[in-house]
Amino acid sequence: MKYEVIKGCVIAGKTHRVGDTVDLEGRLAESLLGIGRIAPADESKTENRAVGVEGAEEKPKTRKRTTKAKPKAE
């Protein structure tokens, strides 16, 4: 089964960083799940994160600049 590394760790002698996907089975997977180093990988989550380029699903958000209040002259 595939798992996603959520905290950097060494698995079977190899260093894995956050976001890596590893294929593990058995007791090793159970123990790493138990201590919170890996989580089951969700392979179905793919999304288009492009904003403001060709093929983007939405337009970029624009911000309005707020005006500063002028101090009152007495």
N, C-alpha and C. Protein backbone atom coordinates (compact mmCIF):
# COMPACT_ATOMS: atom_id res chain seq x y z
N MET A 1 0.85 -1.17 0.00
CA MET A 1 0.00 0.00 0.00
C MET A 1 0.89 1.23 0.00
N LYS A 2 0.42 2.32 -0.61
CA LYS A 2 1.20 3.54 -0.69
C LYS A 2 0.86 4.47 0.47
N TYR A 3 1.91 5.10 0.99
CA TYR A 3 1.78 6.04 2.09
C TYR A 3 2.52 7.32 1.76
N GLU A 4 2.06 8.42 2.35
CA GLU A 4 2.71 9.71 2.17
C GLU A 4 3.45 10.06 3.45
N VAL A 5 4.68 10.50 3.33
CA VAL A 5 5.49 10.87 4.49
C VAL A 5 5.03 12.25 4.96
N ILE A 6 4.64 12.35 6.26
CA ILE A 6 4.20 13.63 6.80
C ILE A 6 5.22 14.24 7.75
N LYS A 7 6.24 13.49 8.14
CA LYS A 7 7.37 14.00 8.91
C LYS A 7 8.61 13.31 8.36
N GLY A 8 9.67 14.07 8.15
CA GLY A 8 10.90 13.50 7.62
C GLY A 8 11.40 12.36 8.47
N CYS A 9 11.83 11.27 7.85
CA CYS A 9 12.29 10.10 8.59
C CYS A 9 13.13 9.19 7.71
N VAL A 10 13.74 8.19 8.34
CA VAL A 10 14.51 7.17 7.62
C VAL A 10 13.68 5.89 7.64
N ILE A 11 13.41 5.36 6.45
CA ILE A 11 12.63 4.14 6.32
C ILE A 11 13.48 3.13 5.57
N ALA A 12 13.76 2.02 6.21
CA ALA A 12 14.56 0.93 5.63
C ALA A 12 15.89 1.45 5.08
N GLY A 13 16.53 2.34 5.83
CA GLY A 13 17.85 2.83 5.47
C GLY A 13 17.88 3.96 4.47
N LYS A 14 16.74 4.44 4.04
CA LYS A 14 16.67 5.55 3.07
C LYS A 14 15.98 6.74 3.70
N THR A 15 16.51 7.93 3.46
CA THR A 15 15.93 9.15 3.99
C THR A 15 14.76 9.59 3.12
N HIS A 16 13.64 9.90 3.76
CA HIS A 16 12.45 10.37 3.05
C HIS A 16 12.04 11.71 3.64
N ARG A 17 11.65 12.62 2.76
CA ARG A 17 11.24 13.96 3.18
C ARG A 17 9.73 14.08 3.12
N VAL A 18 9.23 15.16 3.71
CA VAL A 18 7.80 15.41 3.73
C VAL A 18 7.27 15.49 2.31
N GLY A 19 6.18 14.78 2.06
CA GLY A 19 5.55 14.78 0.74
C GLY A 19 5.93 13.61 -0.13
N ASP A 20 6.98 12.87 0.23
CA ASP A 20 7.37 11.69 -0.55
C ASP A 20 6.31 10.61 -0.41
N THR A 21 6.17 9.80 -1.44
CA THR A 21 5.25 8.66 -1.41
C THR A 21 6.08 7.38 -1.38
N VAL A 22 5.77 6.52 -0.42
CA VAL A 22 6.50 5.27 -0.27
C VAL A 22 5.53 4.10 -0.29
N ASP A 23 6.02 2.94 -0.72
CA ASP A 23 5.21 1.73 -0.79
C ASP A 23 5.67 0.81 0.34
N LEU A 24 4.83 0.62 1.35
CA LEU A 24 5.19 -0.18 2.52
C LEU A 24 4.13 -1.22 2.81
N GLU A 25 4.55 -2.27 3.50
CA GLU A 25 3.61 -3.31 3.91
C GLU A 25 3.95 -3.79 5.32
N GLY A 26 2.98 -4.36 5.98
CA GLY A 26 3.20 -5.07 7.24
C GLY A 26 3.46 -4.20 8.45
N ARG A 27 4.29 -4.76 9.34
CA ARG A 27 4.55 -4.16 10.65
C ARG A 27 5.23 -2.80 10.55
N LEU A 28 6.09 -2.61 9.57
CA LEU A 28 6.79 -1.34 9.40
C LEU A 28 5.78 -0.22 9.15
N ALA A 29 4.84 -0.46 8.28
CA ALA A 29 3.81 0.54 7.99
C ALA A 29 2.96 0.82 9.22
N GLU A 30 2.60 -0.21 9.96
CA GLU A 30 1.79 -0.04 11.17
C GLU A 30 2.51 0.79 12.21
N SER A 31 3.80 0.52 12.41
CA SER A 31 4.55 1.26 13.42
C SER A 31 4.75 2.72 13.02
N LEU A 32 5.03 2.97 11.75
CA LEU A 32 5.20 4.35 11.29
C LEU A 32 3.89 5.13 11.31
N LEU A 33 2.78 4.46 11.05
CA LEU A 33 1.46 5.09 11.18
C LEU A 33 1.20 5.43 12.64
N GLY A 34 1.58 4.53 13.53
CA GLY A 34 1.34 4.71 14.96
C GLY A 34 2.08 5.90 15.55
N ILE A 35 3.28 6.16 15.07
CA ILE A 35 4.05 7.28 15.61
C ILE A 35 3.87 8.56 14.80
N GLY A 36 3.01 8.52 13.80
CA GLY A 36 2.66 9.73 13.06
C GLY A 36 3.67 10.18 12.03
N ARG A 37 4.43 9.27 11.46
CA ARG A 37 5.41 9.63 10.43
C ARG A 37 4.85 9.53 9.02
N ILE A 38 3.87 8.66 8.82
CA ILE A 38 3.27 8.49 7.49
C ILE A 38 1.75 8.51 7.60
N ALA A 39 1.11 8.72 6.47
CA ALA A 39 -0.35 8.68 6.38
C ALA A 39 -0.71 8.01 5.06
N PRO A 40 -1.86 7.34 5.00
CA PRO A 40 -2.25 6.70 3.74
C PRO A 40 -2.32 7.73 2.61
N ALA A 41 -1.76 7.39 1.47
CA ALA A 41 -1.73 8.31 0.32
C ALA A 41 -3.09 8.31 -0.36
N ASP A 42 -3.54 9.48 -0.69
CA ASP A 42 -4.79 9.64 -1.42
C ASP A 42 -4.42 9.96 -2.86
N GLU A 43 -4.44 8.95 -3.71
CA GLU A 43 -4.00 9.10 -5.09
C GLU A 43 -5.02 9.83 -5.96
N SER A 44 -6.23 10.00 -5.47
CA SER A 44 -7.27 10.60 -6.30
C SER A 44 -7.26 12.12 -6.25
N LYS A 45 -6.44 12.72 -5.40
CA LYS A 45 -6.48 14.18 -5.28
C LYS A 45 -5.47 14.83 -6.22
N THR A 46 -5.93 15.19 -7.38
CA THR A 46 -5.13 15.98 -8.30
C THR A 46 -5.96 17.18 -8.69
N GLU A 47 -5.39 18.35 -8.57
CA GLU A 47 -6.12 19.55 -8.89
C GLU A 47 -5.23 20.50 -9.66
N ASN A 48 -5.84 21.34 -10.44
CA ASN A 48 -5.12 22.33 -11.22
C ASN A 48 -4.94 23.56 -10.34
N ARG A 49 -3.70 23.83 -9.93
CA ARG A 49 -3.43 24.95 -9.04
C ARG A 49 -2.95 26.19 -9.80
N ALA A 50 -2.97 26.13 -11.13
CA ALA A 50 -2.53 27.27 -11.93
C ALA A 50 -3.54 28.40 -11.80
N VAL A 51 -3.02 29.61 -11.60
CA VAL A 51 -3.89 30.78 -11.49
C VAL A 51 -3.37 31.84 -12.45
N GLY A 52 -4.21 32.30 -13.34
CA GLY A 52 -3.86 33.39 -14.22
C GLY A 52 -3.02 32.99 -15.43
N VAL A 53 -2.91 31.73 -15.76
CA VAL A 53 -2.18 31.29 -16.93
C VAL A 53 -3.12 30.51 -17.84
N GLU A 54 -2.65 30.20 -19.03
CA GLU A 54 -3.48 29.42 -19.94
C GLU A 54 -3.81 28.07 -19.31
N GLY A 55 -5.04 27.68 -19.39
CA GLY A 55 -5.47 26.42 -18.82
C GLY A 55 -5.95 26.55 -17.38
N ALA A 56 -5.87 27.74 -16.81
CA ALA A 56 -6.31 27.93 -15.43
C ALA A 56 -7.83 27.90 -15.37
N GLU A 57 -8.33 27.40 -14.29
CA GLU A 57 -9.78 27.29 -14.14
C GLU A 57 -10.40 28.57 -13.59
N GLU A 58 -9.61 29.42 -12.97
CA GLU A 58 -10.15 30.65 -12.40
C GLU A 58 -9.19 31.80 -12.65
N LYS A 59 -9.72 33.01 -12.57
CA LYS A 59 -8.91 34.19 -12.77
C LYS A 59 -8.19 34.55 -11.47
N PRO A 60 -7.05 35.23 -11.56
CA PRO A 60 -6.35 35.62 -10.33
C PRO A 60 -7.15 36.64 -9.55
N LYS A 61 -7.04 36.58 -8.23
CA LYS A 61 -7.74 37.53 -7.37
C LYS A 61 -6.93 38.82 -7.32
N THR A 62 -7.64 39.94 -7.40
CA THR A 62 -6.96 41.22 -7.31
C THR A 62 -7.30 41.87 -5.98
N ARG A 63 -6.36 42.64 -5.48
CA ARG A 63 -6.58 43.34 -4.22
C ARG A 63 -6.71 44.83 -4.50
N LYS A 64 -7.50 45.47 -3.72
CA LYS A 64 -7.66 46.91 -3.80
C LYS A 64 -6.81 47.54 -2.70
N ARG A 65 -6.16 48.64 -3.05
CA ARG A 65 -5.35 49.33 -2.05
C ARG A 65 -6.28 50.23 -1.24
N THR A 66 -6.16 50.15 0.07
CA THR A 66 -6.98 50.99 0.93
C THR A 66 -6.28 52.33 1.10
N THR A 67 -7.07 53.39 1.17
CA THR A 67 -6.49 54.71 1.33
C THR A 67 -6.26 54.97 2.82
N LYS A 68 -5.19 55.69 3.09
CA LYS A 68 -4.88 56.03 4.47
C LYS A 68 -5.70 57.26 4.86
N ALA A 69 -6.17 57.27 6.09
CA ALA A 69 -6.93 58.40 6.58
C ALA A 69 -6.00 59.59 6.80
N LYS A 70 -6.42 60.75 6.31
CA LYS A 70 -5.59 61.94 6.48
C LYS A 70 -5.82 62.50 7.89
N PRO A 71 -4.77 62.96 8.56
CA PRO A 71 -4.95 63.54 9.89
C PRO A 71 -5.69 64.87 9.78
N LYS A 72 -6.55 65.14 10.74
CA LYS A 72 -7.33 66.37 10.74
C LYS A 72 -6.46 67.53 11.22
N ALA A 73 -6.52 68.64 10.50
CA ALA A 73 -5.76 69.84 10.88
C ALA A 73 -6.62 70.67 11.80
N GLU A 74 -6.07 71.09 12.89
CA GLU A 74 -6.84 71.90 13.85
C GLU A 74 -6.42 73.32 13.82
